[in-house]
């Protein structure tokens, strides 16, 4: 048998291109379903764990899937806006604690999540460095974001404008990084967390400017009397919030009417959650539901698609197997002289079977090693792959 392996090894070494093609085909057909299974299992785990840890979500009537994906995973699909008054209505029932979120803007491609410190406690965030945000314009960044952008405590990050030409005059906000989270293996690793008021400043609902009472450039002043000073649009607006100018930032109107994307509702107990859901059954503006229901429907659709993909892989695999058999059949035809020489040397016909079997065994071993290596690499990066492929 060792002689057959020796001859087979030298044969496949001589025909390198053919061997590489066979190894690639077997690796693709054998490894692809296993890698797909790894990614889908990780995706299911991430989707379910995030949904199970979130009792209820309150949002505007519309696409429940967009609402869940934006609230739990900070995806690009922004649901219909609601107002801060929705969170206050939940708090007034004394049945649950509302945690409001505003996940709409981005900074260098990463989501900015406007919320409160209550959200840190709810998700059990741990800080690797720094502290939580306490002042307008401060932010806490996720572990993966910090690694990819090379940022840390003391650095700054600038929000990205929603459009190239912002006619509303909303300028990017330069935010100070005061904290960095430990790795959570969740979408939080890729997020920039700010106070909800900082998110409103990014939108342009809050702003700061020079003290008009002390301004030296009189061309900015439209009118002045004993009580008020009115300035024109030439008045400089800040795009960075510091300890020196933070007092000049203010908001106009009732903040209860300011926008948020969703409210995470943490009910006091199961009964309180059921009672609260009952209050919104006939509500025309809001919907409230456990995100697990939506994620279960999504996973059902994903695995239905996976079943179709598996069927396609089986068909392609069968076709590849037939092609491999065809290649070996042609190879045997081309090796007739070699076979005749072996027989003339006194070898039995079974010797050729051993040689072909040894060639197949060596190719399968090579393919198996490559598959194990690929699976090892994928398993290391599978959490990030799952977030990129399924959650983005």
Foldseek 3Di string as FASTA:
>chain_A
DVVLLVVLVVVCVVVVVVLVVLLVLCLCLVQVVVLVVLLLVLLLVQLQVQLVLFFKKKFWPDDPLLLLLCVRQVDASFDDKDFLLVQVVLVVVVFWHKWFWAFHWAFPNFIEIATDCVVCVSVVWDFPDFDCDDAQQEKEAAQQQCVVVVDDQQAWTWIDDPDPDDPVPQDIAIGGYGTYTDHDLHSRNRYIYDHNVNVCSNVVQKWFFDDPVPDDPCQQWPDDDPPDTDGDPVTDIDRYDDPVTRVRIDGDDDRRRPITRMIRIGGPDPVSVVVVQVVCPPPNTMHMDRCSVVSVVVSVVVVVVVVVVVVVSVVVSVVSVVVVVVVVVVVVVVCPVVQVVCVVVPDDPVSVVSNVVSNVVVSVVSSVVVSVVVSVVCSVCSSVVSCVPPSD
